[in-house]
Amino acid sequence: MRVSELIDMLKDQPPDAEVELAIVAPVGDDDDEDITVDRYSVEGMLPWRDEDEEGNDEELVIWLVGGEDDDVEAFLDAIEHQDD
C-alpha cells in the first residue's frame, strides 16, 4: 500500500476516530481455517530502508508501529539509539 492510498482510505473517516492495526493470522496447521485477530493502537511511524547486499538503498517503506506499550517503547528506543 502506498501512503497516498492510505490517506485516500482514511480521508472520509472522522478525524477523531482511533486508528488500530488488526493483525490477522492463522491458528493451527494449514488445514485449519481458524484465524486470530490481534488489535493494537498505532503508537508511531518509522521510515525504513533495507539495504541490499551491494549497499544500495531499497525503496522507502513506512512502518506503522503498534503493539504492547512496553514493547513499542523498547523498540522505538532501540531504533533511536541505533543511530548514536
Protein backbone atom coordinates (compact mmCIF):
# COMPACT_ATOMS: atom_id res chain seq x y z
CA MET A 1 0.00 0.00 0.00
CA ARG A 2 1.24 3.47 -0.82
CA VAL A 3 0.96 6.40 1.60
CA SER A 4 -1.38 8.12 -0.85
CA GLU A 5 -3.67 5.04 -0.81
CA LEU A 6 -3.78 5.01 3.00
CA ILE A 7 -4.55 8.74 3.09
CA ASP A 8 -7.29 8.22 0.49
CA MET A 9 -8.84 5.39 2.56
CA LEU A 10 -8.81 7.49 5.73
CA LYS A 11 -9.89 10.87 4.34
CA ASP A 12 -13.63 10.24 4.79
CA GLN A 13 -13.28 8.91 8.33
CA PRO A 14 -13.97 11.08 11.38
CA PRO A 15 -10.73 12.87 12.33
CA ASP A 16 -11.11 11.91 16.00
CA ALA A 17 -11.56 8.15 15.27
CA GLU A 18 -8.93 5.83 16.78
CA VAL A 19 -6.65 4.02 14.32
CA GLU A 20 -5.65 0.44 15.14
CA LEU A 21 -3.59 -2.26 13.49
CA ALA A 22 -5.50 -5.51 13.08
CA ILE A 23 -3.09 -8.39 12.56
CA VAL A 24 -4.84 -11.45 11.13
CA ALA A 25 -3.04 -14.78 11.45
CA PRO A 26 -3.95 -18.46 11.05
CA VAL A 27 -4.34 -20.65 14.12
CA GLY A 28 -3.10 -24.22 13.93
CA ASP A 29 -1.93 -26.06 10.84
CA ASP A 30 -2.57 -25.32 7.16
CA ASP A 31 -5.76 -27.42 7.05
CA ASP A 32 -7.36 -25.45 9.89
CA GLU A 33 -9.46 -22.47 8.78
CA ASP A 34 -9.44 -20.77 12.21
CA ILE A 35 -7.85 -17.33 12.47
CA THR A 36 -6.93 -14.97 15.26
CA VAL A 37 -7.01 -11.17 15.19
CA ASP A 38 -4.67 -9.13 17.38
CA ARG A 39 -5.54 -5.44 17.70
CA TYR A 40 -3.02 -2.74 18.54
CA SER A 41 -3.08 1.05 18.61
CA VAL A 42 -0.70 2.78 16.22
CA GLU A 43 1.94 4.24 18.53
CA GLY A 44 4.41 5.53 16.00
CA MET A 45 5.69 5.65 12.45
CA LEU A 46 9.12 4.70 11.23
CA PRO A 47 10.55 5.37 7.76
CA TRP A 48 12.67 2.33 6.82
CA ARG A 49 15.09 1.43 4.04
CA ASP A 50 16.56 -2.03 3.67
CA GLU A 51 19.95 -2.22 2.05
CA ASP A 52 20.66 -4.98 -0.44
CA GLU A 53 23.93 -6.93 -0.48
CA GLU A 54 25.66 -4.30 -2.61
CA GLY A 55 24.81 -1.48 -0.20
CA ASN A 56 22.26 0.14 -2.49
CA ASP A 57 19.22 1.65 -0.84
CA GLU A 58 15.94 -0.11 -1.46
CA GLU A 59 12.62 1.65 -1.77
CA LEU A 60 11.49 3.68 1.26
CA VAL A 61 8.89 1.83 3.36
CA ILE A 62 6.83 3.39 6.14
CA TRP A 63 6.22 1.18 9.17
CA LEU A 64 3.18 1.89 11.31
CA VAL A 65 4.35 0.70 14.72
CA GLY A 66 1.99 -0.81 17.27
CA GLY A 67 1.97 -3.47 19.94
CA GLU A 68 2.11 -3.77 23.69
CA ASP A 69 3.08 -0.39 25.15
CA ASP A 70 6.30 -1.56 26.82
CA ASP A 71 7.39 -3.45 23.70
CA VAL A 72 6.76 -0.49 21.41
CA GLU A 73 8.63 1.86 23.73
CA ALA A 74 11.61 -0.52 23.90
CA PHE A 75 11.61 -0.97 20.12
CA LEU A 76 11.46 2.76 19.35
CA ASP A 77 14.18 3.46 21.96
CA ALA A 78 16.41 0.79 20.42
CA ILE A 79 15.94 2.20 16.91
CA GLU A 80 16.56 5.73 18.14
CA HIS A 81 19.80 4.71 19.89
CA GLN A 82 20.94 2.67 16.89
CA ASP A 83 21.87 5.94 15.15
CA ASP A 84 24.03 7.10 18.09
